[in-house]
PDB file of N, CA and C in Angstrom:
ATOM      1  N   PHE A   1     -39.215  87.199 139.576  1.00  0.00           N
ATOM      2  CA  PHE A   1     -37.929  86.742 139.161  1.00  0.00           C
ATOM      3  C   PHE A   1     -37.201  88.046 138.408  1.00  0.00           C
ATOM      4  N   ARG A   2     -36.288  88.484 137.974  1.00  0.00           N
ATOM      5  CA  ARG A   2     -35.674  88.949 137.037  1.00  0.00           C
ATOM      6  C   ARG A   2     -34.698  88.264 135.842  1.00  0.00           C
ATOM      7  N   THR A   3     -35.072  86.925 135.986  1.00  0.00           N
ATOM      8  CA  THR A   3     -34.601  85.853 135.276  1.00  0.00           C
ATOM      9  C   THR A   3     -35.850  85.477 134.342  1.00  0.00           C
ATOM     10  N   LEU A   4     -35.496  84.996 132.852  1.00  0.00           N
ATOM     11  CA  LEU A   4     -36.628  84.583 132.150  1.00  0.00           C
ATOM     12  C   LEU A   4     -35.974  83.179 132.012  1.00  0.00           C
ATOM     13  N   GLY A   5     -36.893  82.435 131.476  1.00  0.00           N
ATOM     14  CA  GLY A   5     -35.850  80.644 131.406  1.00  0.00           C
ATOM     15  C   GLY A   5     -36.861  79.837 132.113  1.00  0.00           C
ATOM     16  N   CYS A   6     -36.379  78.887 132.590  1.00  0.00           N
ATOM     17  CA  CYS A   6     -37.107  77.248 132.458  1.00  0.00           C
ATOM     18  C   CYS A   6     -36.081  77.424 133.830  1.00  0.00           C
ATOM     19  N   TYR A   7     -37.438  77.661 134.991  1.00  0.00           N
ATOM     20  CA  TYR A   7     -36.536  77.465 136.267  1.00  0.00           C
ATOM     21  C   TYR A   7     -36.788  75.786 136.835  1.00  0.00           C
ATOM     22  N   PRO A   8     -36.105  75.552 137.791  1.00  0.00           N
ATOM     23  CA  PRO A   8     -34.950  76.080 138.386  1.00  0.00           C
ATOM     24  C   PRO A   8     -33.744  75.837 137.633  1.00  0.00           C
ATOM     25  N   LEU A   9     -33.915  75.466 136.392  1.00  0.00           N
ATOM     26  CA  LEU A   9     -32.958  75.067 135.532  1.00  0.00           C
ATOM     27  C   LEU A   9     -31.732  76.782 135.517  1.00  0.00           C
ATOM     28  N   THR A  10     -32.200  77.699 134.907  1.00  0.00           N
ATOM     29  CA  THR A  10     -31.870  78.794 134.944  1.00  0.00           C
ATOM     30  C   THR A  10     -31.487  79.461 135.711  1.00  0.00           C
ATOM     31  N   GLY A  11     -32.168  79.145 137.034  1.00  0.00           N
ATOM     32  CA  GLY A  11     -31.295  79.834 138.420  1.00  0.00           C
ATOM     33  C   GLY A  11     -31.619  80.988 138.627  1.00  0.00           C
ATOM     34  N   ALA A  12     -33.319  81.423 138.846  1.00  0.00           N
ATOM     35  CA  ALA A  12     -34.075  82.383 138.325  1.00  0.00           C
ATOM     36  C   ALA A  12     -33.467  83.236 140.095  1.00  0.00           C
ATOM     37  N   VAL A  13     -33.641  84.788 139.783  1.00  0.00           N
ATOM     38  CA  VAL A  13     -32.851  85.549 140.778  1.00  0.00           C
ATOM     39  C   VAL A  13     -33.982  86.840 141.065  1.00  0.00           C
ATOM     40  N   GLU A  14     -34.219  86.166 142.377  1.00  0.00           N
ATOM     41  CA  GLU A  14     -35.588  86.666 143.045  1.00  0.00           C
ATOM     42  C   GLU A  14     -35.580  88.506 142.554  1.00  0.00           C
ATOM     43  N   SER A  15     -36.540  89.043 142.657  1.00  0.00           N
ATOM     44  CA  SER A  15     -36.495  90.352 142.799  1.00  0.00           C
ATOM     45  C   SER A  15     -37.844  91.351 143.278  1.00  0.00           C
ATOM     46  N   THR A  16     -37.534  92.054 144.322  1.00  0.00           N
ATOM     47  CA  THR A  16     -38.790  92.513 144.374  1.00  0.00           C
ATOM     48  C   THR A  16     -38.951  94.133 143.760  1.00  0.00           C
ATOM     49  N   ALA A  17     -38.897  94.497 142.423  1.00  0.00           N
ATOM     50  CA  ALA A  17     -38.890  95.613 141.838  1.00  0.00           C
ATOM     51  C   ALA A  17     -40.444  94.929 141.124  1.00  0.00           C
ATOM     52  N   ASP A  18     -41.633  96.264 141.089  1.00  0.00           N
ATOM     53  CA  ASP A  18     -42.594  96.160 140.719  1.00  0.00           C
ATOM     54  C   ASP A  18     -43.017  96.709 139.708  1.00  0.00           C
ATOM     55  N   THR A  19     -42.106  98.155 138.988  1.00  0.00           N
ATOM     56  CA  THR A  19     -42.271  98.815 137.945  1.00  0.00           C
ATOM     57  C   THR A  19     -41.145  98.780 137.501  1.00  0.00           C
ATOM     58  N   LEU A  20     -41.541  99.272 135.888  1.00  0.00           N
ATOM     59  CA  LEU A  20     -40.207  99.031 135.059  1.00  0.00           C
ATOM     60  C   LEU A  20     -39.163 100.051 135.633  1.00  0.00           C
ATOM     61  N   PRO A  21     -39.018 101.363 135.882  1.00  0.00           N
ATOM     62  CA  PRO A  21     -38.191 102.273 136.426  1.00  0.00           C
ATOM     63  C   PRO A  21     -37.583 101.158 137.930  1.00  0.00           C
ATOM     64  N   GLU A  22     -38.290 100.516 138.498  1.00  0.00           N
ATOM     65  CA  GLU A  22     -37.298  99.758 139.705  1.00  0.00           C
ATOM     66  C   GLU A  22     -36.620  98.420 138.956  1.00  0.00           C
ATOM     67  N   VAL A  23     -36.954  97.618 138.047  1.00  0.00           N
ATOM     68  CA  VAL A  23     -36.387  96.928 137.287  1.00  0.00           C
ATOM     69  C   VAL A  23     -35.212  96.974 136.845  1.00  0.00           C
ATOM     70  N   ILE A  24     -35.460  98.210 135.845  1.00  0.00           N
ATOM     71  CA  ILE A  24     -34.067  99.413 135.565  1.00  0.00           C
ATOM     72  C   ILE A  24     -33.028  99.804 136.462  1.00  0.00           C
ATOM     73  N   GLN A  25     -33.204 100.208 137.953  1.00  0.00           N
ATOM     74  CA  GLN A  25     -32.465 100.465 138.741  1.00  0.00           C
ATOM     75  C   GLN A  25     -31.619  99.474 139.495  1.00  0.00           C
ATOM     76  N   GLU A  26     -32.902  98.416 139.275  1.00  0.00           N
ATOM     77  CA  GLU A  26     -32.251  97.039 139.853  1.00  0.00           C
ATOM     78  C   GLU A  26     -31.043  96.749 139.350  1.00  0.00           C
ATOM     79  N   MET A  27     -31.356  96.512 137.939  1.00  0.00           N
ATOM     80  CA  MET A  27     -30.653  96.227 136.906  1.00  0.00           C
ATOM     81  C   MET A  27     -29.015  96.922 137.099  1.00  0.00           C
ATOM     82  N   LEU A  28     -29.608  98.312 137.218  1.00  0.00           N
ATOM     83  CA  LEU A  28     -27.834  99.047 137.407  1.00  0.00           C
ATOM     84  C   LEU A  28     -27.373  98.804 138.732  1.00  0.00           C
ATOM     85  N   LEU A  29     -27.558  98.664 139.238  1.00  0.00           N
ATOM     86  CA  LEU A  29     -27.129  98.259 140.855  1.00  0.00           C
ATOM     87  C   LEU A  29     -26.884  96.584 140.851  1.00  0.00           C
ATOM     88  N   THR A  30     -27.165  95.916 140.385  1.00  0.00           N
ATOM     89  CA  THR A  30     -27.006  94.698 140.795  1.00  0.00           C
ATOM     90  C   THR A  30     -25.423  94.141 140.936  1.00  0.00           C
ATOM     91  N   THR A  31     -24.957  93.392 141.353  1.00  0.00           N
ATOM     92  CA  THR A  31     -23.850  92.861 141.530  1.00  0.00           C
ATOM     93  C   THR A  31     -23.345  91.052 141.075  1.00  0.00           C
ATOM     94  N   THR A  32     -24.700  90.927 140.941  1.00  0.00           N
ATOM     95  CA  THR A  32     -24.565  89.389 140.565  1.00  0.00           C
ATOM     96  C   THR A  32     -24.633  89.506 139.192  1.00  0.00           C
ATOM     97  N   SER A  33     -24.401  88.090 138.745  1.00  0.00           N
ATOM     98  CA  SER A  33     -24.795  87.874 137.156  1.00  0.00           C
ATOM     99  C   SER A  33     -25.955  87.460 136.792  1.00  0.00           C
ATOM    100  N   GLU A  34     -26.705  87.484 135.801  1.00  0.00           N
ATOM    101  CA  GLU A  34     -27.939  86.261 135.645  1.00  0.00           C
ATOM    102  C   GLU A  34     -27.844  85.078 135.751  1.00  0.00           C
ATOM    103  N   ARG A  35     -26.962  84.525 135.143  1.00  0.00           N
ATOM    104  CA  ARG A  35     -26.513  83.193 135.262  1.00  0.00           C
ATOM    105  C   ARG A  35     -25.811  82.458 136.215  1.00  0.00           C
ATOM    106  N   GLN A  36     -25.915  83.360 137.327  1.00  0.00           N
ATOM    107  CA  GLN A  36     -24.924  82.500 138.312  1.00  0.00           C
ATOM    108  C   GLN A  36     -25.181  81.595 138.941  1.00  0.00           C
ATOM    109  N   GLY A  37     -27.044  81.976 138.892  1.00  0.00           N
ATOM    110  CA  GLY A  37     -27.579  80.320 139.482  1.00  0.00           C
ATOM    111  C   GLY A  37     -27.984  79.376 138.371  1.00  0.00           C
ATOM    112  N   ARG A  38     -27.323  79.176 137.249  1.00  0.00           N
ATOM    113  CA  ARG A  38     -27.931  77.834 136.601  1.00  0.00           C
ATOM    114  C   ARG A  38     -27.009  76.536 136.853  1.00  0.00           C
ATOM    115  N   VAL A  39     -27.615  75.848 137.016  1.00  0.00           N
ATOM    116  CA  VAL A  39     -27.604  74.544 137.967  1.00  0.00           C
ATOM    117  C   VAL A  39     -26.682  73.939 136.792  1.00  0.00           C
ATOM    118  N   ILE A  40     -26.775  73.815 135.432  1.00  0.00           N
ATOM    119  CA  ILE A  40     -25.721  73.177 134.703  1.00  0.00           C
ATOM    120  C   ILE A  40     -23.952  73.723 134.852  1.00  0.00           C
ATOM    121  N   ASP A  41     -24.240  74.873 135.534  1.00  0.00           N
ATOM    122  CA  ASP A  41     -22.169  75.751 135.462  1.00  0.00           C
ATOM    123  C   ASP A  41     -22.044  74.980 137.142  1.00  0.00           C
ATOM    124  N   HIS A  42     -22.529  74.589 138.060  1.00  0.00           N
ATOM    125  CA  HIS A  42     -22.431  73.365 139.389  1.00  0.00           C
ATOM    126  C   HIS A  42     -21.643  72.335 139.228  1.00  0.00           C
ATOM    127  N   ASP A  43     -21.605  71.809 137.638  1.00  0.00           N
ATOM    128  CA  ASP A  43     -21.386  70.695 137.282  1.00  0.00           C
ATOM    129  C   ASP A  43     -20.328  70.793 136.446  1.00  0.00           C
ATOM    130  N   SER A  44     -19.061  70.739 137.373  1.00  0.00           N
ATOM    131  CA  SER A  44     -18.022  71.240 135.952  1.00  0.00           C
ATOM    132  C   SER A  44     -17.632  70.342 135.276  1.00  0.00           C
ATOM    133  N   SER A  45     -18.117  68.766 135.121  1.00  0.00           N
ATOM    134  CA  SER A  45     -18.111  68.287 133.615  1.00  0.00           C
ATOM    135  C   SER A  45     -18.936  68.561 132.616  1.00  0.00           C
ATOM    136  N   GLY A  46     -20.023  69.168 133.383  1.00  0.00           N
ATOM    137  CA  GLY A  46     -20.901  69.680 131.857  1.00  0.00           C
ATOM    138  C   GLY A  46     -21.418  70.711 132.231  1.00  0.00           C
ATOM    139  N   SER A  47     -20.887  72.081 132.388  1.00  0.00           N
ATOM    140  CA  SER A  47     -20.854  73.240 132.960  1.00  0.00           C
ATOM    141  C   SER A  47     -20.961  74.078 131.221  1.00  0.00           C
ATOM    142  N   MET A  48     -21.658  74.715 131.317  1.00  0.00           N
ATOM    143  CA  MET A  48     -21.824  75.789 129.643  1.00  0.00           C
ATOM    144  C   MET A  48     -20.566  76.597 129.650  1.00  0.00           C
ATOM    145  N   GLU A  49     -20.211  77.229 130.608  1.00  0.00           N
ATOM    146  CA  GLU A  49     -19.093  77.802 129.857  1.00  0.00           C
ATOM    147  C   GLU A  49     -17.965  76.965 129.812  1.00  0.00           C
ATOM    148  N   LYS A  50     -17.497  75.768 130.246  1.00  0.00           N
ATOM    149  CA  LYS A  50     -16.581  74.720 129.103  1.00  0.00           C
ATOM    150  C   LYS A  50     -17.278  74.186 128.094  1.00  0.00           C
ATOM    151  N   LYS A  51     -18.839  73.586 128.137  1.00  0.00           N
ATOM    152  CA  LYS A  51     -19.100  73.376 126.744  1.00  0.00           C
ATOM    153  C   LYS A  51     -18.596  75.092 125.961  1.00  0.00           C
ATOM    154  N   LYS A  52     -18.824  76.419 126.204  1.00  0.00           N
ATOM    155  CA  LYS A  52     -18.717  77.119 125.163  1.00  0.00           C
ATOM    156  C   LYS A  52     -17.089  76.918 124.333  1.00  0.00           C
ATOM    157  N   MET A  53     -15.841  76.740 125.734  1.00  0.00           N
ATOM    158  CA  MET A  53     -14.942  76.705 125.261  1.00  0.00           C
ATOM    159  C   MET A  53     -14.293  75.376 124.482  1.00  0.00           C
ATOM    160  N   GLU A  54     -14.660  74.290 124.561  1.00  0.00           N
ATOM    161  CA  GLU A  54     -14.752  73.137 123.771  1.00  0.00           C
ATOM    162  C   GLU A  54     -15.479  73.396 122.546  1.00  0.00           C
ATOM    163  N   GLY A  55     -16.051  74.435 122.252  1.00  0.00           N
ATOM    164  CA  GLY A  55     -16.404  74.717 120.752  1.00  0.00           C
ATOM    165  C   GLY A  55     -17.899  73.781 120.837  1.00  0.00           C
ATOM    166  N   TYR A  56     -18.609  73.640 121.394  1.00  0.00           N
ATOM    167  CA  TYR A  56     -20.052  73.035 121.242  1.00  0.00           C
ATOM    168  C   TYR A  56     -20.974  74.401 121.365  1.00  0.00           C
ATOM    169  N   PHE A  57     -20.905  75.232 121.319  1.00  0.00           N
ATOM    170  CA  PHE A  57     -21.825  76.417 121.124  1.00  0.00           C
ATOM    171  C   PHE A  57     -21.332  76.962 119.946  1.00  0.00           C
TER     172      PHE A  57
END
């Protein structure tokens, strides 16, 4: 995975990179957000983005 955190809540992104240069290259070329798979963001009433806008953080 190229994300850290509590799988599956953080919605880990699979990676085939085996070396640091491959990880860096993957990060430079990726078009997806690290947070796109977060489970909580798929529940509109409890999404992290909504909580941020409401001042929760």
